[in-house]
C-alpha atoms as a PDB file:
ATOM      1  CA  MET A   1     -16.670   6.357  24.541  1.00  0.00           C
ATOM      2  CA  ALA A   2     -14.481   8.939  23.172  1.00  0.00           C
ATOM      3  CA  LEU A   3     -12.133   6.456  21.574  1.00  0.00           C
ATOM      4  CA  ILE A   4     -15.215   4.791  19.676  1.00  0.00           C
ATOM      5  CA  LYS A   5     -16.388   8.486  18.784  1.00  0.00           C
ATOM      6  CA  ARG A   6     -12.781   9.260  17.272  1.00  0.00           C
ATOM      7  CA  LEU A   7     -12.925   5.754  15.296  1.00  0.00           C
ATOM      8  CA  SER A   8     -16.137   6.651  13.682  1.00  0.00           C
ATOM      9  CA  ASN A   9     -13.967   9.048  11.648  1.00  0.00           C
ATOM     10  CA  PRO A  10     -12.712   7.399   8.493  1.00  0.00           C
ATOM     11  CA  LEU A  11      -9.270   8.954   8.669  1.00  0.00           C
ATOM     12  CA  ALA A  12      -8.898   7.679  12.374  1.00  0.00           C
ATOM     13  CA  ARG A  13     -10.382   4.217  11.390  1.00  0.00           C
ATOM     14  CA  GLY A  14      -7.841   4.116   8.571  1.00  0.00           C
ATOM     15  CA  ILE A  15      -4.894   5.155  10.765  1.00  0.00           C
ATOM     16  CA  ALA A  16      -6.056   2.444  13.469  1.00  0.00           C
ATOM     17  CA  THR A  17      -6.417  -0.050  10.471  1.00  0.00           C
ATOM     18  CA  TYR A  18      -3.187   0.504   8.687  1.00  0.00           C
ATOM     19  CA  SER A  19      -1.163   0.543  12.133  1.00  0.00           C
ATOM     20  CA  ILE A  20      -2.146  -3.008  12.528  1.00  0.00           C
ATOM     21  CA  LEU A  21      -2.402  -4.197   8.905  1.00  0.00           C
ATOM     22  CA  TRP A  22       1.002  -3.143   7.558  1.00  0.00           C
ATOM     23  CA  PRO A  23       3.247  -4.551  10.294  1.00  0.00           C
ATOM     24  CA  THR A  24       1.189  -7.735  10.234  1.00  0.00           C
ATOM     25  CA  ALA A  25       1.724  -8.014   6.484  1.00  0.00           C
ATOM     26  CA  ASN A  26       5.490  -7.491   7.015  1.00  0.00           C
ATOM     27  CA  LEU A  27       5.430 -10.269   9.570  1.00  0.00           C
ATOM     28  CA  VAL A  28       3.719 -12.519   7.078  1.00  0.00           C
ATOM     29  CA  GLN A  29       6.090 -11.615   4.381  1.00  0.00           C
ATOM     30  CA  GLN A  30       9.051 -12.350   6.881  1.00  0.00           C
ATOM     31  CA  SER A  31       7.492 -15.614   7.451  1.00  0.00           C
ATOM     32  CA  LEU A  32       7.229 -16.572   3.942  1.00  0.00           C
ATOM     33  CA  GLU A  33      10.834 -15.942   3.573  1.00  0.00           C
ATOM     34  CA  GLY A  34      11.652 -18.260   6.392  1.00  0.00           C
ATOM     35  CA  ARG A  35      11.887 -16.313   9.524  1.00  0.00           C
ATOM     36  CA  ARG A  36      10.339 -17.260  12.748  1.00  0.00           C
ATOM     37  CA  TYR A  37       9.515 -15.196  15.959  1.00  0.00           C
ATOM     38  CA  ASP A  38      13.087 -15.481  17.235  1.00  0.00           C
ATOM     39  CA  THR A  39      14.400 -14.102  14.004  1.00  0.00           C
ATOM     40  CA  PHE A  40      11.840 -11.634  12.764  1.00  0.00           C
ATOM     41  CA  ASP A  41      13.206  -8.152  12.057  1.00  0.00           C
ATOM     42  CA  TYR A  42      10.761  -6.213  14.427  1.00  0.00           C
ATOM     43  CA  GLY A  43      12.480  -2.890  13.457  1.00  0.00           C
ATOM     44  CA  GLN A  44      11.404  -3.391   9.898  1.00  0.00           C
ATOM     45  CA  CYS A  45       7.827  -4.256  11.195  1.00  0.00           C
ATOM     46  CA  MET A  46       7.929  -1.070  13.134  1.00  0.00           C
ATOM     47  CA  ARG A  47       8.891   0.817  10.079  1.00  0.00           C
ATOM     48  CA  TYR A  48       5.855  -0.681   8.178  1.00  0.00           C
ATOM     49  CA  GLY A  49       3.536   0.207  10.961  1.00  0.00           C
ATOM     50  CA  ILE A  50       4.658   3.732  11.187  1.00  0.00           C
ATOM     51  CA  TYR A  51       4.413   4.076   7.255  1.00  0.00           C
ATOM     52  CA  GLY A  52       1.149   2.381   7.047  1.00  0.00           C
ATOM     53  CA  ALA A  53      -0.482   4.496   9.777  1.00  0.00           C
ATOM     54  CA  LEU A  54       1.154   7.861   9.090  1.00  0.00           C
ATOM     55  CA  TYR A  55       1.656   7.890   5.514  1.00  0.00           C
ATOM     56  CA  VAL A  56      -0.669   5.451   3.691  1.00  0.00           C
ATOM     57  CA  ALA A  57      -3.945   6.084   5.511  1.00  0.00           C
ATOM     58  CA  PRO A  58      -3.838   9.707   5.229  1.00  0.00           C
ATOM     59  CA  THR A  59      -3.044   9.653   1.538  1.00  0.00           C
ATOM     60  CA  VAL A  60      -5.783   6.873   0.878  1.00  0.00           C
ATOM     61  CA  TYR A  61      -8.211   9.027   2.805  1.00  0.00           C
ATOM     62  CA  GLY A  62      -7.179  12.155   0.740  1.00  0.00           C
ATOM     63  CA  TRP A  63      -7.633  10.297  -2.488  1.00  0.00           C
ATOM     64  CA  VAL A  64     -11.054   8.949  -1.506  1.00  0.00           C
ATOM     65  CA  LYS A  65     -12.108  12.375  -0.268  1.00  0.00           C
ATOM     66  CA  ILE A  66     -10.949  14.067  -3.495  1.00  0.00           C
ATOM     67  CA  SER A  67     -12.373  11.418  -5.854  1.00  0.00           C
ATOM     68  CA  THR A  68     -15.765  11.606  -4.131  1.00  0.00           C
ATOM     69  CA  ILE A  69     -15.794  15.250  -4.342  1.00  0.00           C
ATOM     70  CA  MET A  70     -14.764  15.179  -8.092  1.00  0.00           C
ATOM     71  CA  TRP A  71     -17.059  12.255  -9.001  1.00  0.00           C
ATOM     72  CA  PRO A  72     -19.771  12.034  -6.309  1.00  0.00           C
ATOM     73  CA  LYS A  73     -21.873   9.429  -8.200  1.00  0.00           C
ATOM     74  CA  MET A  74     -21.940   5.834  -6.998  1.00  0.00           C
ATOM     75  CA  ASN A  75     -22.437   3.712  -9.961  1.00  0.00           C
ATOM     76  CA  LEU A  76     -20.481   1.091 -11.784  1.00  0.00           C
ATOM     77  CA  ARG A  77     -19.526   3.503 -14.868  1.00  0.00           C
ATOM     78  CA  THR A  78     -18.255   6.148 -12.406  1.00  0.00           C
ATOM     79  CA  ALA A  79     -16.394   3.552 -10.198  1.00  0.00           C
ATOM     80  CA  LEU A  80     -14.664   2.169 -13.128  1.00  0.00           C
ATOM     81  CA  PHE A  81     -13.420   5.706 -14.287  1.00  0.00           C
ATOM     82  CA  LYS A  82     -12.248   6.523 -10.739  1.00  0.00           C
ATOM     83  CA  ALA A  83     -10.370   3.176 -10.606  1.00  0.00           C
ATOM     84  CA  ILE A  84      -8.554   3.927 -13.990  1.00  0.00           C
ATOM     85  CA  VAL A  85      -7.859   7.476 -12.777  1.00  0.00           C
ATOM     86  CA  GLU A  86      -6.457   6.146  -9.534  1.00  0.00           C
ATOM     87  CA  GLN A  87      -4.175   3.806 -11.557  1.00  0.00           C
ATOM     88  CA  ALA A  88      -2.936   6.533 -13.612  1.00  0.00           C
ATOM     89  CA  THR A  89      -2.408   9.141 -10.632  1.00  0.00           C
ATOM     90  CA  TYR A  90      -2.339   7.631  -7.021  1.00  0.00           C
ATOM     91  CA  GLY A  91      -0.864   4.291  -8.055  1.00  0.00           C
ATOM     92  CA  PRO A  92       2.511   5.547  -9.400  1.00  0.00           C
ATOM     93  CA  PHE A  93       2.647   8.098  -6.639  1.00  0.00           C
ATOM     94  CA  ALA A  94       2.001   5.322  -3.880  1.00  0.00           C
ATOM     95  CA  GLY A  95       4.530   3.002  -5.436  1.00  0.00           C
ATOM     96  CA  VAL A  96       7.230   5.449  -5.776  1.00  0.00           C
ATOM     97  CA  SER A  97       6.709   6.819  -2.412  1.00  0.00           C
ATOM     98  CA  PHE A  98       6.643   3.362  -0.838  1.00  0.00           C
ATOM     99  CA  LEU A  99      10.007   2.378  -2.240  1.00  0.00           C
ATOM    100  CA  TYR A 100      11.540   5.736  -1.533  1.00  0.00           C
ATOM    101  CA  ILE A 101      10.512   6.322   1.863  1.00  0.00           C
ATOM    102  CA  MET A 102      10.967   2.835   3.150  1.00  0.00           C
ATOM    103  CA  SER A 103      14.416   2.725   1.616  1.00  0.00           C
ATOM    104  CA  LEU A 104      15.266   5.957   3.471  1.00  0.00           C
ATOM    105  CA  ALA A 105      13.815   4.496   6.610  1.00  0.00           C
ATOM    106  CA  GLU A 106      16.239   1.520   6.145  1.00  0.00           C
ATOM    107  CA  GLY A 107      19.138   3.854   6.061  1.00  0.00           C
ATOM    108  CA  MET A 108      19.815   3.946   2.225  1.00  0.00           C
ATOM    109  CA  ALA A 109      21.076   7.152   0.852  1.00  0.00           C
ATOM    110  CA  PRO A 110      18.755   9.086  -1.331  1.00  0.00           C
ATOM    111  CA  GLY A 111      20.590   8.110  -4.623  1.00  0.00           C
ATOM    112  CA  GLU A 112      20.284   4.408  -3.681  1.00  0.00           C
ATOM    113  CA  ALA A 113      16.498   4.864  -2.743  1.00  0.00           C
ATOM    114  CA  VAL A 114      16.007   6.286  -6.429  1.00  0.00           C
ATOM    115  CA  GLN A 115      18.096   3.344  -7.928  1.00  0.00           C
ATOM    116  CA  GLU A 116      15.719   0.957  -6.032  1.00  0.00           C
ATOM    117  CA  ILE A 117      12.675   2.695  -7.448  1.00  0.00           C
ATOM    118  CA  LYS A 118      14.299   2.402 -11.107  1.00  0.00           C
ATOM    119  CA  LEU A 119      14.730  -1.300 -10.548  1.00  0.00           C
ATOM    120  CA  LYS A 120      11.677  -2.207  -8.522  1.00  0.00           C
ATOM    121  CA  PHE A 121       8.735   0.177  -9.464  1.00  0.00           C
ATOM    122  CA  PRO A 122       7.981  -1.251 -13.180  1.00  0.00           C
ATOM    123  CA  GLN A 123       7.230  -4.769 -11.871  1.00  0.00           C
ATOM    124  CA  THR A 124       5.274  -3.261  -8.803  1.00  0.00           C
ATOM    125  CA  TYR A 125       3.228  -0.985 -10.972  1.00  0.00           C
ATOM    126  CA  THR A 126       2.530  -3.810 -13.564  1.00  0.00           C
ATOM    127  CA  VAL A 127       1.223  -5.984 -10.905  1.00  0.00           C
ATOM    128  CA  GLY A 128      -0.806  -3.267  -9.411  1.00  0.00           C
ATOM    129  CA  LEU A 129      -2.689  -2.707 -12.601  1.00  0.00           C
ATOM    130  CA  THR A 130      -3.853  -6.246 -12.508  1.00  0.00           C
ATOM    131  CA  PHE A 131      -5.082  -5.999  -8.779  1.00  0.00           C
ATOM    132  CA  TRP A 132      -6.180  -2.327  -7.934  1.00  0.00           C
ATOM    133  CA  PRO A 133      -8.795  -1.481 -10.708  1.00  0.00           C
ATOM    134  CA  PHE A 134     -10.860  -4.509  -9.773  1.00  0.00           C
ATOM    135  CA  ILE A 135     -10.723  -3.669  -5.985  1.00  0.00           C
ATOM    136  CA  GLN A 136     -11.288   0.045  -6.461  1.00  0.00           C
ATOM    137  CA  THR A 137     -14.130  -0.436  -9.001  1.00  0.00           C
ATOM    138  CA  ILE A 138     -16.045  -2.430  -6.120  1.00  0.00           C
ATOM    139  CA  ASN A 139     -14.951   0.181  -3.630  1.00  0.00           C
ATOM    140  CA  PHE A 140     -16.268   3.105  -5.474  1.00  0.00           C
ATOM    141  CA  ALA A 141     -19.416   1.379  -6.800  1.00  0.00           C
ATOM    142  CA  PHE A 142     -20.560  -0.481  -3.838  1.00  0.00           C
ATOM    143  CA  ILE A 143     -18.928   0.717  -0.381  1.00  0.00           C
ATOM    144  CA  PRO A 144     -20.202   3.806   1.428  1.00  0.00           C
ATOM    145  CA  GLU A 145     -17.699   6.598   1.529  1.00  0.00           C
ATOM    146  CA  ARG A 146     -17.282   6.278   5.435  1.00  0.00           C
ATOM    147  CA  ASN A 147     -16.005   2.688   4.947  1.00  0.00           C
ATOM    148  CA  ARG A 148     -13.887   2.996   1.843  1.00  0.00           C
ATOM    149  CA  VAL A 149     -10.663   3.530   3.653  1.00  0.00           C
ATOM    150  CA  PRO A 150     -11.100   0.500   5.862  1.00  0.00           C
ATOM    151  CA  PHE A 151     -12.404  -1.603   3.120  1.00  0.00           C
ATOM    152  CA  ILE A 152      -9.058  -0.660   1.062  1.00  0.00           C
ATOM    153  CA  ALA A 153      -7.066  -1.422   4.173  1.00  0.00           C
ATOM    154  CA  ALA A 154      -8.512  -4.909   4.436  1.00  0.00           C
ATOM    155  CA  CYS A 155      -8.001  -5.652   0.598  1.00  0.00           C
ATOM    156  CA  SER A 156      -4.398  -4.249   0.823  1.00  0.00           C
ATOM    157  CA  PHE A 157      -3.181  -6.906   3.193  1.00  0.00           C
ATOM    158  CA  LEU A 158      -2.365  -9.140   0.226  1.00  0.00           C
ATOM    159  CA  TRP A 159      -0.961  -6.086  -1.554  1.00  0.00           C
ATOM    160  CA  THR A 160       1.297  -5.188   1.511  1.00  0.00           C
ATOM    161  CA  VAL A 161       2.588  -8.679   1.677  1.00  0.00           C
ATOM    162  CA  PHE A 162       3.498  -8.401  -2.050  1.00  0.00           C
ATOM    163  CA  LEU A 163       5.181  -4.876  -1.494  1.00  0.00           C
ATOM    164  CA  ALA A 164       7.085  -6.206   1.458  1.00  0.00           C
ATOM    165  CA  SER A 165       8.432  -9.110  -0.821  1.00  0.00           C
ATOM    166  CA  ILE A 166       9.342  -6.731  -3.498  1.00  0.00           C
ATOM    167  CA  LYS A 167      11.085  -4.274  -1.101  1.00  0.00           C
ATOM    168  CA  ARG A 168      13.165  -7.369   0.464  1.00  0.00           C
ATOM    169  CA  LYS A 169      14.443  -8.462  -2.936  1.00  0.00           C
ATOM    170  CA  ASP A 170      18.083  -7.658  -3.576  1.00  0.00           C
ATOM    171  CA  MET A 171      18.717  -5.149  -6.014  1.00  0.00           C
ATOM    172  CA  GLN A 172      21.029  -7.347  -7.723  1.00  0.00           C
ATOM    173  CA  GLU A 173      18.427  -9.965  -8.300  1.00  0.00           C
ATOM    174  CA  GLN A 174      16.415  -7.291 -10.057  1.00  0.00           C
ATOM    175  CA  LYS A 175      19.238  -6.481 -12.308  1.00  0.00           C
ATOM    176  CA  THR A 176      20.160 -10.070 -13.439  1.00  0.00           C
ATOM    177  CA  PRO A 177      17.005 -12.220 -13.854  1.00  0.00           C
ATOM    178  CA  ASP A 178      17.441 -15.800 -13.691  1.00  0.00           C
ATOM    179  CA  ILE A 179      17.600 -17.565 -17.084  1.00  0.00           C
ATOM    180  CA  ALA A 180      16.773 -21.258 -17.081  1.00  0.00           C
ATOM    181  CA  GLN A 181      19.311 -23.243 -19.132  1.00  0.00           C
END
């Protein structure tokens, strides 16, 4: 009963959701690159779980709370405005944070992590601009506040698979794109 009561808190539900969602998305990404159960990088999977639960869930929760306080109306116009503001503020913050923190968690030096951001963030952010405004408009217009973090968590499964694939790309691939002859 105490666990159920704690999970009625949006932050606790977000942490529980992201602690499952992020490592699962990472395993899907590893499967897409050809790995199987006996070759999965479970350390990588664990890093995704920790990052999702202890960083993503609280920052998403914070953004949802702040945006709800600043713009409390639940209508399409306000939702669209919030989605645009989010892409101009939280989107870059989240993308840079992901690339930097996960790079450090993988053992990269800070300078290498910054280089990875320079190479991978522009593509990540561009794709995010085509995905998140639509999702967030629905979230802010139609989803009750107490369910917004879990809703975003569910929608972010595909996004997390995408992030994991971007993260796994070799930085050399990013520097020299393939040119068809």
